[in-house]
């Protein structure tokens, strides 16, 4: 099963609200809506698989990378765009929502060094928060399978 098939079959539909956005949680948005707003940042032949938005910020998963859009300033005109290439992810952890206002979290661990087999490899991690109503299990499973495949490939 290819990456695009895994995305489609494993990610459960999530829910969100303005209140969750204000609290810092992401809610799922259709690839078509994300394409209209963020399509200019995609590489040639790159396609959006799924994505999530806060009030102003966004996280998009394509067939090649995870993009994080961080709008800054009072007007949101200034924006930082960060990428995590899918083939650099080597670990994922999940924390499901608890009681009360707790949210769900996914942490992605990845190689930040451009050449992955360099002697001085740098590692990084990024945390993404999701609303309590969003079931992160499918997304976790997909990213975990991806990281396992990468782990196997990098250690051959």
C-alpha atoms as a PDB file:
ATOM      1  CA  UNK A   1       0.000   0.000   0.000  1.00  0.00           C
ATOM      2  CA  UNK A   2       1.428   3.391  -1.029  1.00  0.00           C
ATOM      3  CA  UNK A   3       1.689   6.523   1.076  1.00  0.00           C
ATOM      4  CA  UNK A   4      -1.389   8.105  -0.504  1.00  0.00           C
ATOM      5  CA  UNK A   5      -3.442   4.955   0.128  1.00  0.00           C
ATOM      6  CA  UNK A   6      -2.306   4.871   3.763  1.00  0.00           C
ATOM      7  CA  UNK A   7      -3.395   8.484   4.275  1.00  0.00           C
ATOM      8  CA  UNK A   8      -6.819   7.850   2.808  1.00  0.00           C
ATOM      9  CA  UNK A   9      -7.532   4.649   4.692  1.00  0.00           C
ATOM     10  CA  UNK A  10      -6.059   5.415   8.109  1.00  0.00           C
ATOM     11  CA  UNK A  11      -6.850   9.017   8.976  1.00  0.00           C
ATOM     12  CA  UNK A  12     -10.191   9.382  10.713  1.00  0.00           C
ATOM     13  CA  UNK A  13     -12.259  12.486  10.154  1.00  0.00           C
ATOM     14  CA  UNK A  14     -11.782  14.957  12.975  1.00  0.00           C
ATOM     15  CA  UNK A  15     -13.814  17.771  14.387  1.00  0.00           C
ATOM     16  CA  UNK A  16     -12.990  21.216  15.587  1.00  0.00           C
ATOM     17  CA  UNK A  17     -14.450  24.508  16.613  1.00  0.00           C
ATOM     18  CA  UNK A  18     -13.458  28.122  16.972  1.00  0.00           C
ATOM     19  CA  UNK A  19     -12.949  27.540  20.706  1.00  0.00           C
ATOM     20  CA  UNK A  20     -10.524  24.691  19.982  1.00  0.00           C
ATOM     21  CA  UNK A  21      -8.682  26.973  17.555  1.00  0.00           C
ATOM     22  CA  UNK A  22      -8.405  29.651  20.208  1.00  0.00           C
ATOM     23  CA  UNK A  23      -7.062  27.060  22.641  1.00  0.00           C
ATOM     24  CA  UNK A  24      -4.358  26.127  20.105  1.00  0.00           C
ATOM     25  CA  UNK A  25      -5.806  22.910  18.716  1.00  0.00           C
ATOM     26  CA  UNK A  26      -5.891  22.065  15.030  1.00  0.00           C
ATOM     27  CA  UNK A  27      -8.989  21.024  13.129  1.00  0.00           C
ATOM     28  CA  UNK A  28      -8.971  19.078   9.856  1.00  0.00           C
ATOM     29  CA  UNK A  29      -9.494  20.963   6.595  1.00  0.00           C
ATOM     30  CA  UNK A  30     -10.113  19.513   3.124  1.00  0.00           C
ATOM     31  CA  UNK A  31      -7.159  19.277   0.724  1.00  0.00           C
ATOM     32  CA  UNK A  32      -9.082  21.441  -1.773  1.00  0.00           C
ATOM     33  CA  UNK A  33      -9.386  24.349   0.674  1.00  0.00           C
ATOM     34  CA  UNK A  34      -5.711  24.017   1.649  1.00  0.00           C
ATOM     35  CA  UNK A  35      -4.657  23.863  -2.014  1.00  0.00           C
ATOM     36  CA  UNK A  36      -6.321  27.222  -2.672  1.00  0.00           C
ATOM     37  CA  UNK A  37      -4.573  28.927   0.239  1.00  0.00           C
ATOM     38  CA  UNK A  38      -1.188  27.161   0.326  1.00  0.00           C
ATOM     39  CA  UNK A  39      -0.784  25.577  -3.133  1.00  0.00           C
ATOM     40  CA  UNK A  40       1.877  28.118  -4.142  1.00  0.00           C
ATOM     41  CA  UNK A  41       4.223  26.598  -1.508  1.00  0.00           C
ATOM     42  CA  UNK A  42       4.078  23.090  -2.953  1.00  0.00           C
ATOM     43  CA  UNK A  43       6.854  21.614  -5.066  1.00  0.00           C
ATOM     44  CA  UNK A  44       6.126  20.435  -8.594  1.00  0.00           C
ATOM     45  CA  UNK A  45       4.245  17.111  -8.567  1.00  0.00           C
ATOM     46  CA  UNK A  46       3.581  17.399  -4.818  1.00  0.00           C
ATOM     47  CA  UNK A  47       0.031  16.840  -3.631  1.00  0.00           C
ATOM     48  CA  UNK A  48      -1.766  17.550  -0.362  1.00  0.00           C
ATOM     49  CA  UNK A  49      -2.966  14.416   1.414  1.00  0.00           C
ATOM     50  CA  UNK A  50      -4.484  15.967   4.526  1.00  0.00           C
ATOM     51  CA  UNK A  51      -4.149  19.109   6.571  1.00  0.00           C
ATOM     52  CA  UNK A  52      -5.170  20.966   9.681  1.00  0.00           C
ATOM     53  CA  UNK A  53      -5.675  24.616  10.575  1.00  0.00           C
ATOM     54  CA  UNK A  54      -5.637  26.751  13.653  1.00  0.00           C
ATOM     55  CA  UNK A  55      -7.184  30.183  13.585  1.00  0.00           C
ATOM     56  CA  UNK A  56      -4.240  31.455  11.448  1.00  0.00           C
ATOM     57  CA  UNK A  57      -1.622  28.668  11.322  1.00  0.00           C
ATOM     58  CA  UNK A  58      -1.700  25.386   9.413  1.00  0.00           C
ATOM     59  CA  UNK A  59      -0.073  21.940   9.173  1.00  0.00           C
ATOM     60  CA  UNK A  60      -0.244  20.142   5.834  1.00  0.00           C
ATOM     61  CA  UNK A  61       0.871  16.605   5.022  1.00  0.00           C
ATOM     62  CA  UNK A  62       1.746  16.051   1.380  1.00  0.00           C
ATOM     63  CA  UNK A  63       3.108  12.968  -0.346  1.00  0.00           C
ATOM     64  CA  UNK A  64       6.647  14.324   0.291  1.00  0.00           C
ATOM     65  CA  UNK A  65       6.697  16.344   3.524  1.00  0.00           C
ATOM     66  CA  UNK A  66       4.918  17.931   6.465  1.00  0.00           C
ATOM     67  CA  UNK A  67       4.591  21.697   6.071  1.00  0.00           C
ATOM     68  CA  UNK A  68       3.986  24.016   8.990  1.00  0.00           C
ATOM     69  CA  UNK A  69       2.705  27.526   8.303  1.00  0.00           C
ATOM     70  CA  UNK A  70       3.163  30.003  11.154  1.00  0.00           C
ATOM     71  CA  UNK A  71       1.487  33.357  10.480  1.00  0.00           C
ATOM     72  CA  UNK A  72       3.061  36.135  12.516  1.00  0.00           C
ATOM     73  CA  UNK A  73       2.251  39.673  13.560  1.00  0.00           C
ATOM     74  CA  UNK A  74      -1.055  41.388  14.190  1.00  0.00           C
ATOM     75  CA  UNK A  75      -2.167  41.218  10.553  1.00  0.00           C
ATOM     76  CA  UNK A  76      -0.833  37.735   9.780  1.00  0.00           C
ATOM     77  CA  UNK A  77       0.782  39.018   6.577  1.00  0.00           C
ATOM     78  CA  UNK A  78       4.209  37.719   7.626  1.00  0.00           C
ATOM     79  CA  UNK A  79       4.475  33.932   7.584  1.00  0.00           C
ATOM     80  CA  UNK A  80       7.152  31.352   8.371  1.00  0.00           C
ATOM     81  CA  UNK A  81       7.036  28.063   6.457  1.00  0.00           C
ATOM     82  CA  UNK A  82       8.872  25.002   7.815  1.00  0.00           C
ATOM     83  CA  UNK A  83       9.208  21.565   6.202  1.00  0.00           C
ATOM     84  CA  UNK A  84       9.846  18.114   7.605  1.00  0.00           C
ATOM     85  CA  UNK A  85      10.643  15.679   4.807  1.00  0.00           C
ATOM     86  CA  UNK A  86       8.804  12.418   5.248  1.00  0.00           C
ATOM     87  CA  UNK A  87      11.896  10.331   4.489  1.00  0.00           C
ATOM     88  CA  UNK A  88      13.709  11.974   7.456  1.00  0.00           C
ATOM     89  CA  UNK A  89      11.148  10.941  10.105  1.00  0.00           C
ATOM     90  CA  UNK A  90      12.484   8.194  12.364  1.00  0.00           C
ATOM     91  CA  UNK A  91      10.118   8.290  15.340  1.00  0.00           C
ATOM     92  CA  UNK A  92       6.644   9.318  16.429  1.00  0.00           C
ATOM     93  CA  UNK A  93       5.007   9.526  19.838  1.00  0.00           C
ATOM     94  CA  UNK A  94       1.373  10.147  20.676  1.00  0.00           C
ATOM     95  CA  UNK A  95      -0.487  11.370  23.738  1.00  0.00           C
ATOM     96  CA  UNK A  96      -4.229  10.999  23.625  1.00  0.00           C
ATOM     97  CA  UNK A  97      -6.623  13.475  25.176  1.00  0.00           C
ATOM     98  CA  UNK A  98      -7.440  13.136  28.847  1.00  0.00           C
ATOM     99  CA  UNK A  99     -10.226  14.519  30.980  1.00  0.00           C
ATOM    100  CA  UNK A 100     -11.242  18.175  30.856  1.00  0.00           C
ATOM    101  CA  UNK A 101      -9.483  20.531  28.466  1.00  0.00           C
ATOM    102  CA  UNK A 102      -6.625  18.159  27.619  1.00  0.00           C
ATOM    103  CA  UNK A 103      -5.850  17.776  23.941  1.00  0.00           C
ATOM    104  CA  UNK A 104      -4.141  15.084  21.867  1.00  0.00           C
ATOM    105  CA  UNK A 105      -0.532  15.484  20.798  1.00  0.00           C
ATOM    106  CA  UNK A 106       1.746  13.940  18.207  1.00  0.00           C
ATOM    107  CA  UNK A 107       5.506  14.436  18.353  1.00  0.00           C
ATOM    108  CA  UNK A 108       7.497  13.779  15.208  1.00  0.00           C
ATOM    109  CA  UNK A 109      11.230  13.034  15.537  1.00  0.00           C
ATOM    110  CA  UNK A 110      13.302  13.621  12.423  1.00  0.00           C
ATOM    111  CA  UNK A 111      16.798  14.041  11.055  1.00  0.00           C
ATOM    112  CA  UNK A 112      17.470  17.740  10.497  1.00  0.00           C
ATOM    113  CA  UNK A 113      20.844  17.270   8.783  1.00  0.00           C
ATOM    114  CA  UNK A 114      20.556  17.578   4.987  1.00  0.00           C
ATOM    115  CA  UNK A 115      22.771  14.521   4.437  1.00  0.00           C
ATOM    116  CA  UNK A 116      21.227  11.811   6.612  1.00  0.00           C
ATOM    117  CA  UNK A 117      24.368   9.657   6.846  1.00  0.00           C
ATOM    118  CA  UNK A 118      26.714  12.492   7.834  1.00  0.00           C
ATOM    119  CA  UNK A 119      29.056  12.063  10.801  1.00  0.00           C
ATOM    120  CA  UNK A 120      27.498  15.002  12.649  1.00  0.00           C
ATOM    121  CA  UNK A 121      23.806  14.197  12.365  1.00  0.00           C
ATOM    122  CA  UNK A 122      21.374  16.654  13.951  1.00  0.00           C
ATOM    123  CA  UNK A 123      17.996  15.535  15.239  1.00  0.00           C
ATOM    124  CA  UNK A 124      14.895  17.582  15.927  1.00  0.00           C
ATOM    125  CA  UNK A 125      11.324  17.076  17.086  1.00  0.00           C
ATOM    126  CA  UNK A 126       8.097  18.917  16.479  1.00  0.00           C
ATOM    127  CA  UNK A 127       4.912  18.715  18.531  1.00  0.00           C
ATOM    128  CA  UNK A 128       1.474  19.068  16.935  1.00  0.00           C
ATOM    129  CA  UNK A 129      -1.670  19.475  19.058  1.00  0.00           C
ATOM    130  CA  UNK A 130      -5.106  18.256  17.990  1.00  0.00           C
ATOM    131  CA  UNK A 131      -8.563  18.786  19.457  1.00  0.00           C
ATOM    132  CA  UNK A 132      -9.943  16.239  21.870  1.00  0.00           C
ATOM    133  CA  UNK A 133     -12.572  15.166  19.329  1.00  0.00           C
ATOM    134  CA  UNK A 134     -10.009  14.308  16.635  1.00  0.00           C
ATOM    135  CA  UNK A 135      -8.955  10.655  16.679  1.00  0.00           C
ATOM    136  CA  UNK A 136      -5.163  10.757  16.169  1.00  0.00           C
ATOM    137  CA  UNK A 137      -4.772   6.969  15.994  1.00  0.00           C
ATOM    138  CA  UNK A 138      -4.916   6.760  12.170  1.00  0.00           C
ATOM    139  CA  UNK A 139      -2.457   9.614  11.720  1.00  0.00           C
ATOM    140  CA  UNK A 140      -0.169   8.125  14.377  1.00  0.00           C
ATOM    141  CA  UNK A 141      -0.280   4.702  12.707  1.00  0.00           C
ATOM    142  CA  UNK A 142       0.526   6.142   9.287  1.00  0.00           C
ATOM    143  CA  UNK A 143       3.450   8.204  10.614  1.00  0.00           C
ATOM    144  CA  UNK A 144       4.685   5.270  12.714  1.00  0.00           C
ATOM    145  CA  UNK A 145       4.702   2.958   9.673  1.00  0.00           C
ATOM    146  CA  UNK A 146       6.529   5.635   7.700  1.00  0.00           C
ATOM    147  CA  UNK A 147       9.122   6.095  10.468  1.00  0.00           C
ATOM    148  CA  UNK A 148       9.626   2.329  10.743  1.00  0.00           C
ATOM    149  CA  UNK A 149      10.252   2.061   6.987  1.00  0.00           C
ATOM    150  CA  UNK A 150      12.709   4.977   7.239  1.00  0.00           C
ATOM    151  CA  UNK A 151      14.429   3.358  10.238  1.00  0.00           C
ATOM    152  CA  UNK A 152      14.873   0.127   8.281  1.00  0.00           C
ATOM    153  CA  UNK A 153      16.158   1.989   5.188  1.00  0.00           C
ATOM    154  CA  UNK A 154      18.609   4.163   7.152  1.00  0.00           C
ATOM    155  CA  UNK A 155      20.089   1.209   9.022  1.00  0.00           C
ATOM    156  CA  UNK A 156      20.808  -1.074   6.074  1.00  0.00           C
END
